[in-house]
C-alpha atoms as a PDB file:
ATOM      1  CA  MET A   1     125.820  36.382  66.775  1.00  0.00           C
ATOM      2  CA  LYS A   2     127.732  39.564  65.015  1.00  0.00           C
ATOM      3  CA  LYS A   3     124.603  41.765  65.833  1.00  0.00           C
ATOM      4  CA  LEU A   4     124.417  40.456  69.508  1.00  0.00           C
ATOM      5  CA  SER A   5     128.126  41.775  69.464  1.00  0.00           C
ATOM      6  CA  TYR A   6     127.164  45.198  67.804  1.00  0.00           C
ATOM      7  CA  LEU A   7     124.799  45.570  70.026  1.00  0.00           C
ATOM      8  CA  PHE A   8     126.012  44.530  73.731  1.00  0.00           C
ATOM      9  CA  ILE A   9     129.352  46.978  72.468  1.00  0.00           C
ATOM     10  CA  ALA A  10     126.749  50.027  71.834  1.00  0.00           C
ATOM     11  CA  VAL A  11     125.076  49.343  75.160  1.00  0.00           C
ATOM     12  CA  ILE A  12     128.232  49.866  76.698  1.00  0.00           C
ATOM     13  CA  LEU A  13     129.506  52.516  75.023  1.00  0.00           C
ATOM     14  CA  SER A  14     126.354  54.901  75.507  1.00  0.00           C
ATOM     15  CA  GLY A  15     126.466  53.489  79.323  1.00  0.00           C
ATOM     16  CA  LEU A  16     130.287  55.519  78.970  1.00  0.00           C
ATOM     17  CA  THR A  17     129.182  58.280  77.625  1.00  0.00           C
ATOM     18  CA  ILE A  18     126.293  58.894  80.466  1.00  0.00           C
ATOM     19  CA  ILE A  19     129.012  58.548  82.973  1.00  0.00           C
ATOM     20  CA  SER A  20     131.019  61.076  81.204  1.00  0.00           C
ATOM     21  CA  ALA A  21     128.494  63.498  81.210  1.00  0.00           C
ATOM     22  CA  CYS A  22     127.651  62.959  84.766  1.00  0.00           C
ATOM     23  CA  LYS A  23     131.313  63.433  85.528  1.00  0.00           C
ATOM     24  CA  LYS A  24     132.389  67.380  86.825  1.00  0.00           C
ATOM     25  CA  SER A  25     135.509  68.170  87.295  1.00  0.00           C
ATOM     26  CA  ASP A  26     137.223  70.229  89.696  1.00  0.00           C
ATOM     27  CA  ASP A  27     137.027  73.397  88.267  1.00  0.00           C
ATOM     28  CA  ASP A  28     133.061  73.203  87.380  1.00  0.00           C
ATOM     29  CA  THR A  29     132.715  72.823  91.282  1.00  0.00           C
ATOM     30  CA  VAL A  30     134.752  76.134  92.004  1.00  0.00           C
ATOM     31  CA  ASP A  31     132.153  79.406  92.285  1.00  0.00           C
ATOM     32  CA  LYS A  32     133.091  81.839  90.022  1.00  0.00           C
ATOM     33  CA  LYS A  33     130.849  84.633  90.288  1.00  0.00           C
ATOM     34  CA  PRO A  34     130.906  87.813  91.670  1.00  0.00           C
ATOM     35  CA  THR A  35     130.203  88.943  94.865  1.00  0.00           C
ATOM     36  CA  ILE A  36     127.580  92.473  95.732  1.00  0.00           C
ATOM     37  CA  THR A  37     125.591  93.691  98.930  1.00  0.00           C
ATOM     38  CA  PHE A  38     124.044  96.302  99.516  1.00  0.00           C
ATOM     39  CA  LYS A  39     125.234  98.969 102.692  1.00  0.00           C
ATOM     40  CA  GLY A  40     124.322  98.607 105.821  1.00  0.00           C
ATOM     41  CA  GLY A  41     123.799 100.691 109.037  1.00  0.00           C
ATOM     42  CA  ASN A  42     124.813 104.541 108.895  1.00  0.00           C
ATOM     43  CA  ASP A  43     121.079 105.487 107.103  1.00  0.00           C
ATOM     44  CA  TYR A  44     121.487 103.204 104.030  1.00  0.00           C
ATOM     45  CA  THR A  45     118.631 101.120 103.210  1.00  0.00           C
ATOM     46  CA  SER A  46     118.997  97.220 102.338  1.00  0.00           C
ATOM     47  CA  SER A  47     116.057  95.270 103.076  1.00  0.00           C
ATOM     48  CA  ASP A  48     112.195  95.905 101.871  1.00  0.00           C
ATOM     49  CA  VAL A  49     110.534  99.082 103.424  1.00  0.00           C
ATOM     50  CA  THR A  50     107.867 101.325 103.529  1.00  0.00           C
ATOM     51  CA  ILE A  51     108.428 105.198 103.391  1.00  0.00           C
ATOM     52  CA  ALA A  52     106.018 108.346 102.620  1.00  0.00           C
ATOM     53  CA  THR A  53     105.642 110.119  99.150  1.00  0.00           C
ATOM     54  CA  GLY A  54     108.323 112.527  98.978  1.00  0.00           C
ATOM     55  CA  ASP A  55     110.988 110.689 101.006  1.00  0.00           C
ATOM     56  CA  SER A  56     114.235 109.749  99.923  1.00  0.00           C
ATOM     57  CA  VAL A  57     116.452 106.424 100.490  1.00  0.00           C
ATOM     58  CA  LYS A  58     120.083 105.740 100.628  1.00  0.00           C
ATOM     59  CA  VAL A  59     121.544 103.078  99.125  1.00  0.00           C
ATOM     60  CA  GLY A  60     125.052 101.546  99.379  1.00  0.00           C
ATOM     61  CA  VAL A  61     126.435  99.014  97.156  1.00  0.00           C
ATOM     62  CA  ILE A  62     130.016  97.189  97.199  1.00  0.00           C
ATOM     63  CA  ALA A  63     131.197  94.696  94.463  1.00  0.00           C
ATOM     64  CA  LEU A  64     133.925  92.403  94.376  1.00  0.00           C
ATOM     65  CA  SER A  65     135.772  90.738  91.884  1.00  0.00           C
ATOM     66  CA  ASN A  66     135.508  86.637  92.606  1.00  0.00           C
ATOM     67  CA  THR A  67     138.434  85.596  94.283  1.00  0.00           C
ATOM     68  CA  ASN A  68     138.855  82.070  92.350  1.00  0.00           C
ATOM     69  CA  SER A  69     138.520  83.708  88.572  1.00  0.00           C
ATOM     70  CA  ASN A  70     139.600  87.246  89.598  1.00  0.00           C
ATOM     71  CA  ALA A  71     138.193  88.410  86.038  1.00  0.00           C
ATOM     72  CA  LYS A  72     137.734  92.268  86.412  1.00  0.00           C
ATOM     73  CA  LEU A  73     133.895  93.669  86.829  1.00  0.00           C
ATOM     74  CA  ASN A  74     132.676  95.187  83.863  1.00  0.00           C
ATOM     75  CA  LYS A  75     129.317  95.988  83.929  1.00  0.00           C
ATOM     76  CA  PHE A  76     126.946  97.666  86.527  1.00  0.00           C
ATOM     77  CA  THR A  77     123.044  98.326  86.076  1.00  0.00           C
ATOM     78  CA  LEU A  78     121.009  99.652  88.095  1.00  0.00           C
ATOM     79  CA  ILE A  79     117.094  99.343  87.461  1.00  0.00           C
ATOM     80  CA  LEU A  80     113.800 100.611  89.567  1.00  0.00           C
ATOM     81  CA  THR A  81     110.476  98.735  88.381  1.00  0.00           C
ATOM     82  CA  SER A  82     107.396  99.474  89.288  1.00  0.00           C
ATOM     83  CA  ASN A  83     103.766  97.824  87.893  1.00  0.00           C
ATOM     84  CA  ASN A  84     106.279  95.842  85.544  1.00  0.00           C
ATOM     85  CA  ILE A  85     107.633  98.651  84.145  1.00  0.00           C
ATOM     86  CA  PRO A  86     111.515  98.568  84.659  1.00  0.00           C
ATOM     87  CA  GLN A  87     113.378 102.102  84.235  1.00  0.00           C
ATOM     88  CA  VAL A  88     117.281 102.062  84.050  1.00  0.00           C
ATOM     89  CA  LEU A  89     118.352 104.260  87.027  1.00  0.00           C
ATOM     90  CA  LEU A  90     122.244 103.505  85.891  1.00  0.00           C
ATOM     91  CA  ASP A  91     124.522 101.412  83.302  1.00  0.00           C
ATOM     92  CA  SER A  92     127.796 101.291  83.979  1.00  0.00           C
ATOM     93  CA  THR A  93     130.703  99.980  82.540  1.00  0.00           C
ATOM     94  CA  LEU A  94     133.933  98.682  84.350  1.00  0.00           C
ATOM     95  CA  ASN A  95     136.970  97.787  84.320  1.00  0.00           C
ATOM     96  CA  ILE A  96     137.925  96.937  88.232  1.00  0.00           C
ATOM     97  CA  SER A  97     138.230  94.568  90.745  1.00  0.00           C
ATOM     98  CA  THR A  98     136.227  96.424  93.331  1.00  0.00           C
ATOM     99  CA  PHE A  99     132.888  98.567  92.997  1.00  0.00           C
ATOM    100  CA  ASP A 100     131.529 101.340  95.485  1.00  0.00           C
ATOM    101  CA  ILE A 101     128.782 103.515  94.605  1.00  0.00           C
ATOM    102  CA  ASN A 102     126.273 105.367  96.982  1.00  0.00           C
ATOM    103  CA  PHE A 103     123.265 107.379  96.072  1.00  0.00           C
ATOM    104  CA  PHE A 104     119.721 108.631  97.048  1.00  0.00           C
ATOM    105  CA  ILE A 105     116.719 107.819  95.305  1.00  0.00           C
ATOM    106  CA  THR A 106     113.254 110.289  95.900  1.00  0.00           C
ATOM    107  CA  PHE A 107     109.741 108.434  95.714  1.00  0.00           C
ATOM    108  CA  ASN A 108     106.976 111.105  94.511  1.00  0.00           C
ATOM    109  CA  ASN A 109     104.062 108.491  93.500  1.00  0.00           C
ATOM    110  CA  GLU A 110     102.485 104.976  95.138  1.00  0.00           C
ATOM    111  CA  SER A 111     103.312 102.430  94.168  1.00  0.00           C
ATOM    112  CA  VAL A 112     105.387  99.573  94.990  1.00  0.00           C
ATOM    113  CA  PHE A 113     109.359  99.655  93.970  1.00  0.00           C
ATOM    114  CA  ARG A 114     111.575  96.801  93.347  1.00  0.00           C
ATOM    115  CA  LEU A 115     114.952  98.211  93.390  1.00  0.00           C
ATOM    116  CA  SER A 116     117.390  95.429  91.842  1.00  0.00           C
ATOM    117  CA  ALA A 117     121.256  96.163  91.237  1.00  0.00           C
ATOM    118  CA  LYS A 118     123.386  93.297  89.227  1.00  0.00           C
ATOM    119  CA  ILE A 119     127.226  93.835  88.455  1.00  0.00           C
ATOM    120  CA  THR A 120     128.938  91.440  85.584  1.00  0.00           C
ATOM    121  CA  ASP A 121     132.645  90.097  84.978  1.00  0.00           C
ATOM    122  CA  LYS A 122     134.184  90.288  82.269  1.00  0.00           C
ATOM    123  CA  ASP A 123     133.713  86.221  82.282  1.00  0.00           C
ATOM    124  CA  GLY A 124     130.075  86.793  81.582  1.00  0.00           C
ATOM    125  CA  GLU A 125     129.766  86.024  85.633  1.00  0.00           C
ATOM    126  CA  SER A 126     127.199  88.374  86.824  1.00  0.00           C
ATOM    127  CA  GLN A 127     125.485  88.115  90.581  1.00  0.00           C
ATOM    128  CA  GLU A 128     121.860  90.317  91.358  1.00  0.00           C
ATOM    129  CA  ILE A 129     120.608  91.654  94.713  1.00  0.00           C
ATOM    130  CA  ALA A 130     117.111  93.670  95.347  1.00  0.00           C
ATOM    131  CA  PHE A 131     114.723  94.505  97.737  1.00  0.00           C
ATOM    132  CA  ASN A 132     111.526  96.476  97.875  1.00  0.00           C
ATOM    133  CA  VAL A 133     109.987 100.140  98.447  1.00  0.00           C
ATOM    134  CA  THR A 134     106.604 100.453  99.560  1.00  0.00           C
ATOM    135  CA  VAL A 135     105.631 104.012  99.124  1.00  0.00           C
ATOM    136  CA  ALA A 136     102.476 104.897 100.547  1.00  0.00           C
ATOM    137  CA  ALA A 137     100.359 108.518 100.664  1.00  0.00           C
ATOM    138  CA  SER A 138     101.814 110.946 103.609  1.00  0.00           C
ATOM    139  CA  ALA A 139      99.375 111.351 106.192  1.00  0.00           C
ATOM    140  CA  GLY A 140      98.573 115.313 106.413  1.00  0.00           C
ATOM    141  CA  PRO A 141      97.246 117.754 109.463  1.00  0.00           C
ATOM    142  CA  ILE A 142      94.179 118.073 110.407  1.00  0.00           C
ATOM    143  CA  TYR A 143      91.975 120.509 111.975  1.00  0.00           C
ATOM    144  CA  GLU A 144      91.019 119.973 115.794  1.00  0.00           C
ATOM    145  CA  TYR A 145      87.570 120.995 117.221  1.00  0.00           C
ATOM    146  CA  SER A 146      86.758 119.842 120.927  1.00  0.00           C
ATOM    147  CA  ASN A 147      83.169 119.898 122.958  1.00  0.00           C
ATOM    148  CA  THR A 148      81.347 121.862 119.981  1.00  0.00           C
ATOM    149  CA  LEU A 149      77.743 122.115 120.676  1.00  0.00           C
ATOM    150  CA  LEU A 150      74.866 121.980 118.719  1.00  0.00           C
ATOM    151  CA  ALA A 151      71.729 122.606 119.475  1.00  0.00           C
ATOM    152  CA  ALA A 152      67.918 121.176 117.955  1.00  0.00           C
ATOM    153  CA  GLN A 153      65.560 122.885 115.808  1.00  0.00           C
ATOM    154  CA  HIS A 154      63.361 124.499 118.346  1.00  0.00           C
ATOM    155  CA  VAL A 155      66.221 126.426 120.369  1.00  0.00           C
ATOM    156  CA  THR A 156      67.058 130.154 118.927  1.00  0.00           C
ATOM    157  CA  ASP A 157      70.108 131.226 121.344  1.00  0.00           C
ATOM    158  CA  ILE A 158      71.742 128.405 120.220  1.00  0.00           C
ATOM    159  CA  GLY A 159      73.429 127.638 116.872  1.00  0.00           C
ATOM    160  CA  ASN A 160      72.604 124.350 114.814  1.00  0.00           C
ATOM    161  CA  SER A 161      74.796 123.977 112.109  1.00  0.00           C
ATOM    162  CA  PHE A 162      78.589 123.801 112.085  1.00  0.00           C
ATOM    163  CA  ALA A 163      81.531 124.790 109.269  1.00  0.00           C
ATOM    164  CA  SER A 164      84.024 122.258 109.449  1.00  0.00           C
ATOM    165  CA  MET A 165      86.520 124.921 107.743  1.00  0.00           C
ATOM    166  CA  THR A 166      86.678 127.264 110.574  1.00  0.00           C
ATOM    167  CA  GLY A 167      84.700 125.120 113.325  1.00  0.00           C
ATOM    168  CA  ASP A 168      81.699 127.973 113.210  1.00  0.00           C
ATOM    169  CA  VAL A 169      78.359 127.222 114.975  1.00  0.00           C
ATOM    170  CA  TRP A 170      75.694 129.500 113.547  1.00  0.00           C
ATOM    171  CA  LEU A 171      72.155 130.206 114.138  1.00  0.00           C
ATOM    172  CA  LEU A 172      69.809 129.585 110.788  1.00  0.00           C
ATOM    173  CA  ALA A 173      70.063 133.535 109.886  1.00  0.00           C
ATOM    174  CA  THR A 174      73.666 132.967 110.123  1.00  0.00           C
ATOM    175  CA  ALA A 175      74.117 130.093 108.257  1.00  0.00           C
ATOM    176  CA  LYS A 176      71.872 131.063 105.439  1.00  0.00           C
ATOM    177  CA  ALA A 177      74.433 133.566 104.694  1.00  0.00           C
ATOM    178  CA  ASN A 178      77.695 131.249 105.219  1.00  0.00           C
ATOM    179  CA  ALA A 179      75.539 128.264 103.293  1.00  0.00           C
ATOM    180  CA  ASP A 180      78.600 127.778 100.657  1.00  0.00           C
ATOM    181  CA  LYS A 181      80.416 126.687 103.978  1.00  0.00           C
ATOM    182  CA  VAL A 182      77.787 125.076 105.786  1.00  0.00           C
ATOM    183  CA  ASP A 183      78.956 121.011 106.163  1.00  0.00           C
ATOM    184  CA  PHE A 184      76.308 120.035 108.783  1.00  0.00           C
ATOM    185  CA  LEU A 185      73.195 120.461 111.218  1.00  0.00           C
ATOM    186  CA  TYR A 186      71.597 118.500 114.109  1.00  0.00           C
ATOM    187  CA  PHE A 187      67.950 118.443 114.866  1.00  0.00           C
ATOM    188  CA  TYR A 188      65.350 115.087 116.948  1.00  0.00           C
ATOM    189  CA  GLY A 189      63.079 114.621 115.513  1.00  0.00           C
ATOM    190  CA  ALA A 190      60.010 112.017 116.196  1.00  0.00           C
ATOM    191  CA  THR A 191      61.576 108.967 114.226  1.00  0.00           C
ATOM    192  CA  ASN A 192      64.966 110.268 113.357  1.00  0.00           C
ATOM    193  CA  LEU A 193      66.287 110.953 116.731  1.00  0.00           C
ATOM    194  CA  ALA A 194      69.106 112.580 117.416  1.00  0.00           C
ATOM    195  CA  THR A 195      70.022 113.119 114.355  1.00  0.00           C
ATOM    196  CA  LEU A 196      72.953 115.007 112.378  1.00  0.00           C
ATOM    197  CA  ALA A 197      72.460 115.480 108.462  1.00  0.00           C
ATOM    198  CA  SER A 198      73.630 117.287 105.267  1.00  0.00           C
ATOM    199  CA  PRO A 199      71.877 120.708 103.930  1.00  0.00           C
ATOM    200  CA  ALA A 200      71.866 118.628 101.542  1.00  0.00           C
ATOM    201  CA  ASP A 201      69.046 116.362 102.859  1.00  0.00           C
ATOM    202  CA  GLU A 202      65.677 116.144 102.496  1.00  0.00           C
ATOM    203  CA  ALA A 203      64.544 115.310 106.379  1.00  0.00           C
ATOM    204  CA  ALA A 204      67.202 118.022 107.142  1.00  0.00           C
ATOM    205  CA  ALA A 205      64.764 120.390 105.252  1.00  0.00           C
ATOM    206  CA  THR A 206      61.119 119.271 106.275  1.00  0.00           C
ATOM    207  CA  VAL A 207      62.369 120.840 109.910  1.00  0.00           C
ATOM    208  CA  TYR A 208      64.600 123.283 109.105  1.00  0.00           C
ATOM    209  CA  ASN A 209      61.758 125.036 106.256  1.00  0.00           C
ATOM    210  CA  ASP A 210      61.224 128.748 107.881  1.00  0.00           C
ATOM    211  CA  THR A 211      59.762 130.845 105.003  1.00  0.00           C
ATOM    212  CA  ILE A 212      62.941 133.191 105.335  1.00  0.00           C
ATOM    213  CA  ASN A 213      65.833 131.080 106.625  1.00  0.00           C
ATOM    214  CA  GLY A 214      64.800 127.609 105.813  1.00  0.00           C
ATOM    215  CA  LEU A 215      67.230 125.505 103.815  1.00  0.00           C
ATOM    216  CA  GLN A 216      64.554 125.648 101.164  1.00  0.00           C
ATOM    217  CA  THR A 217      65.500 129.485 100.441  1.00  0.00           C
ATOM    218  CA  TRP A 218      69.295 128.565 101.333  1.00  0.00           C
ATOM    219  CA  SER A 219      71.560 129.704  97.893  1.00  0.00           C
ATOM    220  CA  VAL A 220      73.675 126.623  98.360  1.00  0.00           C
ATOM    221  CA  ARG A 221      73.368 123.051 100.027  1.00  0.00           C
ATOM    222  CA  ASN A 222      75.994 121.046 100.872  1.00  0.00           C
ATOM    223  CA  ASN A 223      76.011 117.903 100.278  1.00  0.00           C
ATOM    224  CA  THR A 224      77.936 116.222 103.134  1.00  0.00           C
ATOM    225  CA  LEU A 225      78.023 112.411 103.429  1.00  0.00           C
ATOM    226  CA  PHE A 226      78.287 110.351 106.711  1.00  0.00           C
ATOM    227  CA  LYS A 227      78.810 106.742 107.343  1.00  0.00           C
ATOM    228  CA  LYS A 228      79.034 105.010 110.810  1.00  0.00           C
ATOM    229  CA  ILE A 229      82.097 103.357 112.239  1.00  0.00           C
ATOM    230  CA  THR A 230      81.513 100.224 113.888  1.00  0.00           C
ATOM    231  CA  THR A 231      84.953  99.583 114.566  1.00  0.00           C
ATOM    232  CA  ALA A 232      86.852 100.396 117.624  1.00  0.00           C
ATOM    233  CA  VAL A 233      88.867 103.672 117.311  1.00  0.00           C
ATOM    234  CA  ASP A 234      91.456 105.258 119.283  1.00  0.00           C
ATOM    235  CA  TRP A 235      90.347 108.779 119.279  1.00  0.00           C
ATOM    236  CA  GLU A 236      93.329 110.326 121.452  1.00  0.00           C
ATOM    237  CA  SER A 237      95.777 108.883 119.224  1.00  0.00           C
ATOM    238  CA  ILE A 238      94.671 109.934 115.820  1.00  0.00           C
ATOM    239  CA  THR A 239      97.489 112.895 115.329  1.00  0.00           C
ATOM    240  CA  ASN A 240      96.772 113.081 111.516  1.00  0.00           C
ATOM    241  CA  ASP A 241      94.964 112.205 108.532  1.00  0.00           C
ATOM    242  CA  ALA A 242      96.317 108.129 107.916  1.00  0.00           C
ATOM    243  CA  LEU A 243      93.320 106.851 109.624  1.00  0.00           C
ATOM    244  CA  ILE A 244      90.844 109.390 108.730  1.00  0.00           C
ATOM    245  CA  VAL A 245      91.610 108.141 105.166  1.00  0.00           C
ATOM    246  CA  GLU A 246      91.474 104.793 105.688  1.00  0.00           C
ATOM    247  CA  LEU A 247      87.625 105.184 107.836  1.00  0.00           C
ATOM    248  CA  THR A 248      86.464 107.256 105.158  1.00  0.00           C
ATOM    249  CA  ALA A 249      87.739 104.762 101.644  1.00  0.00           C
ATOM    250  CA  GLU A 250      84.124 103.514 101.164  1.00  0.00           C
ATOM    251  CA  GLY A 251      81.037 103.734 102.537  1.00  0.00           C
ATOM    252  CA  VAL A 252      80.142 106.918 103.249  1.00  0.00           C
ATOM    253  CA  THR A 253      76.947 107.364 101.705  1.00  0.00           C
ATOM    254  CA  GLU A 254      74.118 108.854 103.695  1.00  0.00           C
ATOM    255  CA  THR A 255      72.948 112.567 103.781  1.00  0.00           C
ATOM    256  CA  LYS A 256      72.358 111.961 107.568  1.00  0.00           C
ATOM    257  CA  ILE A 257      73.300 109.713 110.241  1.00  0.00           C
ATOM    258  CA  ASN A 258      70.629 109.647 113.061  1.00  0.00           C
ATOM    259  CA  GLU A 259      69.760 107.367 116.504  1.00  0.00           C
ATOM    260  CA  LEU A 260      73.215 108.574 117.474  1.00  0.00           C
ATOM    261  CA  ALA A 261      74.052 107.957 120.817  1.00  0.00           C
ATOM    262  CA  VAL A 262      77.024 109.035 123.363  1.00  0.00           C
ATOM    263  CA  GLY A 263      79.928 107.354 121.991  1.00  0.00           C
ATOM    264  CA  ASN A 264      79.134 106.644 118.157  1.00  0.00           C
ATOM    265  CA  ILE A 265      81.673 108.242 115.524  1.00  0.00           C
ATOM    266  CA  LEU A 266      81.176 108.876 112.428  1.00  0.00           C
ATOM    267  CA  ALA A 267      82.879 109.388 109.194  1.00  0.00           C
ATOM    268  CA  PHE A 268      82.447 112.381 106.895  1.00  0.00           C
ATOM    269  CA  ILE A 269      83.671 113.709 103.287  1.00  0.00           C
ATOM    270  CA  THR A 270      82.063 117.614 102.353  1.00  0.00           C
ATOM    271  CA  ASP A 271      80.840 118.495  99.353  1.00  0.00           C
ATOM    272  CA  PRO A 272      83.568 118.382  96.328  1.00  0.00           C
ATOM    273  CA  ALA A 273      81.741 120.671  94.974  1.00  0.00           C
ATOM    274  CA  LYS A 274      82.048 123.671  97.782  1.00  0.00           C
ATOM    275  CA  PRO A 275      83.707 126.956  96.362  1.00  0.00           C
ATOM    276  CA  GLU A 276      86.506 126.272  99.565  1.00  0.00           C
ATOM    277  CA  PHE A 277      87.169 122.388 101.462  1.00  0.00           C
ATOM    278  CA  ALA A 278      86.059 121.054  99.051  1.00  0.00           C
ATOM    279  CA  GLY A 279      86.027 116.580  99.581  1.00  0.00           C
ATOM    280  CA  LYS A 280      87.407 117.257 103.117  1.00  0.00           C
ATOM    281  CA  LYS A 281      87.308 113.716 105.006  1.00  0.00           C
ATOM    282  CA  GLY A 282      86.665 113.664 109.443  1.00  0.00           C
ATOM    283  CA  LEU A 283      85.543 111.953 112.158  1.00  0.00           C
ATOM    284  CA  ILE A 284      82.654 113.127 114.500  1.00  0.00           C
ATOM    285  CA  LYS A 285      82.604 111.564 118.538  1.00  0.00           C
ATOM    286  CA  ILE A 286      79.494 112.377 119.723  1.00  0.00           C
ATOM    287  CA  THR A 287      80.267 113.488 123.931  1.00  0.00           C
ATOM    288  CA  ALA A 288      76.762 113.926 124.862  1.00  0.00           C
ATOM    289  CA  ILE A 289      73.218 114.352 124.043  1.00  0.00           C
ATOM    290  CA  ASN A 290      70.082 116.211 125.644  1.00  0.00           C
ATOM    291  CA  THR A 291      67.325 114.665 123.942  1.00  0.00           C
ATOM    292  CA  GLY A 292      64.285 116.567 122.025  1.00  0.00           C
ATOM    293  CA  ASP A 293      63.736 119.349 119.666  1.00  0.00           C
ATOM    294  CA  GLU A 294      64.862 121.633 122.787  1.00  0.00           C
ATOM    295  CA  GLY A 295      68.009 119.252 123.325  1.00  0.00           C
ATOM    296  CA  ASP A 296      71.753 119.751 122.031  1.00  0.00           C
ATOM    297  CA  ILE A 297      74.231 117.587 120.572  1.00  0.00           C
ATOM    298  CA  THR A 298      77.848 117.922 121.998  1.00  0.00           C
ATOM    299  CA  PHE A 299      80.789 116.507 119.277  1.00  0.00           C
ATOM    300  CA  ASP A 300      84.127 116.589 118.794  1.00  0.00           C
ATOM    301  CA  VAL A 301      85.467 116.500 115.304  1.00  0.00           C
ATOM    302  CA  LYS A 302      89.147 115.877 113.492  1.00  0.00           C
ATOM    303  CA  VAL A 303      89.274 116.702 109.472  1.00  0.00           C
ATOM    304  CA  GLN A 304      91.642 117.439 107.346  1.00  0.00           C
ATOM    305  CA  GLU A 305      93.209 120.840 106.529  1.00  0.00           C
END
């Protein structure tokens, strides 16, 4: 019987212990954390934002001691994290009840940054707030050329080559003299039909094969690359290079685009080895075609400066 009694007492005591552990004092339910907030309005940034490289954000922080504990604030940290690498921007020791600070941060690199602000009081209680800053490449200026006319290979009084650095159109002899500047030519072929091609393209070389000024005699044959755009493009809305960069991000691999039609939009990237205007990205919009090897093509161009 004694063994049973001891067992019963042990269970009761255990139960009392559990009940006691689960019961919280009134003091445990009181919030003792300090408060911290980002300032809003007046050009302050207080939530997730996207900016361009080189831009700055204005940030303000207000922190207050907890009204229940009245524990003074003794530490403020401001940390900027990118690619899981934290950078401490500010680490301040305090002994105050109210903390108020403003600062500007300039972002020069593309990335997603997390800006976190943390306040800690003398009792070790803390509170943290944060938001993300997405930094994207700033849009650049562009050159625009409208109603550019290039003739096909058997026309002798209208140029057939184009330089996107200046918008110049040149006949073959002048183009040869400016070979380092020519980005593409126009020809109309029996199978290729209406075609814009790089000077480095072999099909273009079989068309423009004059023994004096043909492509095979040029000192430089720029390797411009193209891609036909298959998605809708609002041409008039392109006022900087943002969409151009997006549309040339991949797939610009062809030395020519053939079977052109009115309304086609092509992306192109100039030869990265050009002495000037190297690796520039642009778009071409075909606006008119007169078919045949004595015809011509009209187009608009928007290209990075």
